[in-house]
């Protein structure tokens, strides 16, 4: 389907356009994963594990969330651009 036909279908009120998309090739910009290794003291890992268990997420999830929160806060303080 050409873009103009897709746009026309949407503009005519047909909001159910998901079947017209090829999601197998879709990707979110700046969301590619990159693996890194970080060494923490044992007490940090234990604290992360306790907090992760308390809120019901994995250690990796809590590290990601906290790092993103901190980066966004720093960007806001420095008026820098950080993409989520």
N, C-alpha and C. Protein backbone atom coordinates (compact mmCIF):
# COMPACT_ATOMS: atom_id res chain seq x y z
N UNK A 1 0.85 -1.17 0.00
CA UNK A 1 0.00 0.00 0.00
C UNK A 1 0.90 1.24 0.00
N UNK A 2 0.56 2.18 -0.82
CA UNK A 2 1.33 3.42 -0.88
C UNK A 2 0.99 4.31 0.31
N UNK A 3 1.92 5.15 0.67
CA UNK A 3 1.74 6.02 1.83
C UNK A 3 0.51 6.89 1.70
N UNK A 4 0.26 7.42 0.51
CA UNK A 4 -0.91 8.30 0.36
C UNK A 4 -2.21 7.52 0.55
N UNK A 5 -2.24 6.25 0.13
CA UNK A 5 -3.43 5.42 0.34
C UNK A 5 -3.61 5.09 1.82
N UNK A 6 -2.50 4.83 2.48
CA UNK A 6 -2.52 4.56 3.92
C UNK A 6 -3.04 5.78 4.67
N UNK A 7 -2.50 6.95 4.34
CA UNK A 7 -2.94 8.19 4.98
C UNK A 7 -4.42 8.46 4.73
N UNK A 8 -4.85 8.22 3.51
CA UNK A 8 -6.26 8.45 3.15
C UNK A 8 -7.17 7.53 3.97
N UNK A 9 -6.79 6.27 4.08
CA UNK A 9 -7.57 5.31 4.86
C UNK A 9 -7.69 5.79 6.31
N UNK A 10 -6.59 6.26 6.88
CA UNK A 10 -6.60 6.75 8.25
C UNK A 10 -7.44 8.02 8.35
N UNK A 11 -7.26 8.93 7.41
CA UNK A 11 -7.99 10.20 7.45
C UNK A 11 -9.49 10.02 7.29
N UNK A 12 -9.90 8.96 6.63
CA UNK A 12 -11.33 8.68 6.45
C UNK A 12 -11.96 8.06 7.68
N UNK A 13 -11.15 7.90 8.73
CA UNK A 13 -11.71 7.43 9.99
C UNK A 13 -11.46 5.97 10.29
N UNK A 14 -10.77 5.27 9.41
CA UNK A 14 -10.48 3.87 9.67
C UNK A 14 -9.24 3.79 10.55
N UNK A 15 -9.46 3.72 11.84
CA UNK A 15 -8.35 3.71 12.80
C UNK A 15 -7.73 2.32 12.96
N UNK A 16 -8.37 1.29 12.38
CA UNK A 16 -7.86 -0.07 12.47
C UNK A 16 -6.93 -0.32 11.28
N UNK A 17 -5.72 0.21 11.37
CA UNK A 17 -4.77 0.13 10.27
C UNK A 17 -3.61 -0.81 10.57
N UNK A 18 -3.65 -1.46 11.71
CA UNK A 18 -2.53 -2.31 12.13
C UNK A 18 -2.27 -3.43 11.14
N UNK A 19 -3.31 -3.95 10.51
CA UNK A 19 -3.14 -5.04 9.55
C UNK A 19 -2.42 -4.58 8.29
N UNK A 20 -2.37 -3.28 8.06
CA UNK A 20 -1.70 -2.74 6.89
C UNK A 20 -0.22 -2.47 7.13
N UNK A 21 0.25 -2.74 8.34
CA UNK A 21 1.64 -2.48 8.69
C UNK A 21 2.44 -3.77 8.72
N UNK A 22 3.69 -3.72 8.29
CA UNK A 22 4.60 -4.85 8.39
C UNK A 22 5.44 -4.65 9.64
N UNK A 23 5.00 -5.19 10.76
CA UNK A 23 5.66 -4.99 12.03
C UNK A 23 6.92 -5.84 12.19
N UNK A 24 7.15 -6.76 11.26
CA UNK A 24 8.34 -7.61 11.37
C UNK A 24 9.62 -6.80 11.16
N UNK A 25 9.51 -5.67 10.49
CA UNK A 25 10.70 -4.84 10.24
C UNK A 25 10.68 -3.56 11.07
N UNK A 26 9.68 -3.42 11.92
CA UNK A 26 9.57 -2.19 12.73
C UNK A 26 10.63 -2.19 13.82
N UNK A 27 11.13 -1.00 14.12
CA UNK A 27 12.07 -0.84 15.23
C UNK A 27 11.91 0.54 15.80
N UNK A 28 12.27 0.68 17.05
CA UNK A 28 12.20 1.98 17.72
C UNK A 28 13.58 2.62 17.66
N UNK A 29 13.64 3.82 17.19
CA UNK A 29 14.90 4.52 17.06
C UNK A 29 15.52 4.72 18.45
N UNK A 30 16.81 4.55 18.54
CA UNK A 30 17.58 4.69 19.78
C UNK A 30 17.16 3.70 20.86
N UNK A 31 16.55 2.60 20.48
CA UNK A 31 16.15 1.59 21.45
C UNK A 31 16.89 0.27 21.26
N UNK A 32 17.89 0.26 20.36
CA UNK A 32 18.66 -0.96 20.16
C UNK A 32 19.39 -1.29 21.47
N UNK A 33 19.45 -2.57 21.77
CA UNK A 33 20.10 -3.00 23.00
C UNK A 33 21.59 -3.14 22.77
N UNK A 34 22.36 -2.80 23.78
CA UNK A 34 23.80 -2.98 23.77
C UNK A 34 24.20 -3.55 25.12
N UNK A 35 24.85 -4.70 25.09
CA UNK A 35 25.22 -5.37 26.33
C UNK A 35 26.50 -4.77 26.90
N UNK A 36 26.47 -4.55 28.22
CA UNK A 36 27.66 -4.09 28.93
C UNK A 36 27.82 -4.92 30.19
N UNK A 37 29.00 -4.92 30.73
CA UNK A 37 29.26 -5.59 32.01
C UNK A 37 29.67 -4.54 33.02
N UNK A 38 29.09 -4.62 34.20
CA UNK A 38 29.42 -3.69 35.26
C UNK A 38 29.68 -4.51 36.52
N UNK A 39 30.77 -4.21 37.18
CA UNK A 39 31.10 -4.89 38.44
C UNK A 39 30.67 -4.01 39.61
N UNK A 40 29.91 -4.62 40.55
CA UNK A 40 29.47 -3.93 41.76
C UNK A 40 29.99 -4.68 42.97
N UNK A 41 30.20 -3.98 44.07
CA UNK A 41 30.51 -4.69 45.31
C UNK A 41 29.32 -5.57 45.71
N UNK A 42 29.61 -6.62 46.43
CA UNK A 42 28.56 -7.57 46.83
C UNK A 42 27.42 -6.89 47.56
N UNK A 43 27.71 -5.91 48.43
CA UNK A 43 26.64 -5.26 49.19
C UNK A 43 25.70 -4.49 48.26
N UNK A 44 26.21 -3.97 47.15
CA UNK A 44 25.35 -3.27 46.20
C UNK A 44 24.41 -4.26 45.52
N UNK A 45 24.96 -5.39 45.10
CA UNK A 45 24.13 -6.42 44.45
C UNK A 45 23.06 -6.91 45.42
N UNK A 46 23.43 -7.13 46.66
CA UNK A 46 22.46 -7.59 47.65
C UNK A 46 21.36 -6.55 47.87
N UNK A 47 21.74 -5.29 47.93
CA UNK A 47 20.75 -4.22 48.09
C UNK A 47 19.84 -4.12 46.88
N UNK A 48 20.41 -4.25 45.70
CA UNK A 48 19.61 -4.24 44.47
C UNK A 48 18.62 -5.40 44.47
N UNK A 49 19.09 -6.56 44.85
CA UNK A 49 18.22 -7.74 44.88
C UNK A 49 17.07 -7.57 45.88
N UNK A 50 17.37 -7.02 47.04
CA UNK A 50 16.31 -6.79 48.04
C UNK A 50 15.26 -5.81 47.50
N UNK A 51 15.72 -4.72 46.92
CA UNK A 51 14.78 -3.71 46.41
C UNK A 51 14.00 -4.26 45.22
N UNK A 52 14.67 -5.00 44.36
CA UNK A 52 13.98 -5.60 43.21
C UNK A 52 12.90 -6.57 43.69
N UNK A 53 13.22 -7.40 44.67
CA UNK A 53 12.25 -8.36 45.21
C UNK A 53 11.09 -7.62 45.88
N UNK A 54 11.40 -6.53 46.56
CA UNK A 54 10.35 -5.77 47.26
C UNK A 54 9.31 -5.24 46.29
N UNK A 55 9.77 -4.76 45.12
CA UNK A 55 8.80 -4.19 44.17
C UNK A 55 8.41 -5.17 43.06
N UNK A 56 8.99 -6.38 43.08
CA UNK A 56 8.58 -7.43 42.16
C UNK A 56 9.13 -7.32 40.76
N UNK A 57 10.38 -6.89 40.64
CA UNK A 57 11.02 -6.82 39.32
C UNK A 57 12.38 -7.52 39.41
N UNK A 58 13.03 -7.64 38.28
CA UNK A 58 14.35 -8.26 38.26
C UNK A 58 15.42 -7.22 38.62
N UNK A 59 16.58 -7.72 38.97
CA UNK A 59 17.72 -6.84 39.26
C UNK A 59 18.02 -5.97 38.04
N UNK A 60 18.04 -6.58 36.88
CA UNK A 60 18.33 -5.83 35.65
C UNK A 60 17.32 -4.72 35.43
N UNK A 61 16.07 -5.00 35.68
CA UNK A 61 15.02 -3.99 35.49
C UNK A 61 15.20 -2.80 36.41
N UNK A 62 15.50 -3.06 37.66
CA UNK A 62 15.65 -1.95 38.59
C UNK A 62 16.87 -1.10 38.25
N UNK A 63 17.95 -1.75 37.81
CA UNK A 63 19.13 -1.00 37.39
C UNK A 63 18.79 -0.11 36.20
N UNK A 64 18.10 -0.66 35.22
CA UNK A 64 17.73 0.12 34.03
C UNK A 64 16.85 1.32 34.41
N UNK A 65 15.83 1.06 35.21
CA UNK A 65 14.91 2.13 35.59
C UNK A 65 15.63 3.24 36.35
N UNK A 66 16.45 2.85 37.32
CA UNK A 66 17.15 3.86 38.12
C UNK A 66 18.14 4.65 37.28
N UNK A 67 18.84 3.98 36.38
CA UNK A 67 19.79 4.71 35.53
C UNK A 67 19.08 5.69 34.60
N UNK A 68 17.99 5.26 34.00
CA UNK A 68 17.23 6.14 33.12
C UNK A 68 16.68 7.33 33.90
N UNK A 69 16.14 7.07 35.09
CA UNK A 69 15.64 8.18 35.92
C UNK A 69 16.74 9.18 36.21
N UNK A 70 17.91 8.69 36.56
CA UNK A 70 19.03 9.59 36.89
C UNK A 70 19.49 10.36 35.66
N UNK A 71 19.59 9.69 34.52
CA UNK A 71 20.01 10.37 33.30
C UNK A 71 19.02 11.46 32.89
N UNK A 72 17.73 11.17 33.04
CA UNK A 72 16.71 12.18 32.73
C UNK A 72 16.80 13.36 33.68
N UNK A 73 17.02 13.10 34.96
CA UNK A 73 17.15 14.17 35.95
C UNK A 73 18.37 15.03 35.65
N UNK A 74 19.48 14.39 35.32
CA UNK A 74 20.69 15.13 34.98
C UNK A 74 20.48 15.96 33.72
N UNK A 75 19.80 15.38 32.75
CA UNK A 75 19.54 16.11 31.51
C UNK A 75 18.66 17.32 31.77
N UNK A 76 17.66 17.16 32.65
CA UNK A 76 16.77 18.27 32.98
C UNK A 76 17.54 19.38 33.69
N UNK A 77 18.46 19.00 34.57
CA UNK A 77 19.27 19.98 35.29
C UNK A 77 20.26 20.70 34.38
N UNK A 78 20.74 19.97 33.38
CA UNK A 78 21.75 20.54 32.48
C UNK A 78 21.15 20.99 31.16
N UNK A 79 19.83 20.86 31.02
CA UNK A 79 19.14 21.22 29.78
C UNK A 79 19.71 20.44 28.59
N UNK A 80 20.14 19.22 28.86
CA UNK A 80 20.65 18.36 27.80
C UNK A 80 19.52 17.51 27.25
N UNK A 81 19.75 16.91 26.12
CA UNK A 81 18.75 16.05 25.51
C UNK A 81 19.12 14.60 25.79
N UNK A 82 18.19 13.87 26.38
CA UNK A 82 18.35 12.43 26.60
C UNK A 82 17.16 11.76 25.97
N UNK A 83 17.40 10.79 25.09
CA UNK A 83 16.30 10.07 24.47
C UNK A 83 15.99 8.83 25.26
N UNK A 84 14.71 8.60 25.54
CA UNK A 84 14.32 7.42 26.30
C UNK A 84 14.50 6.14 25.54
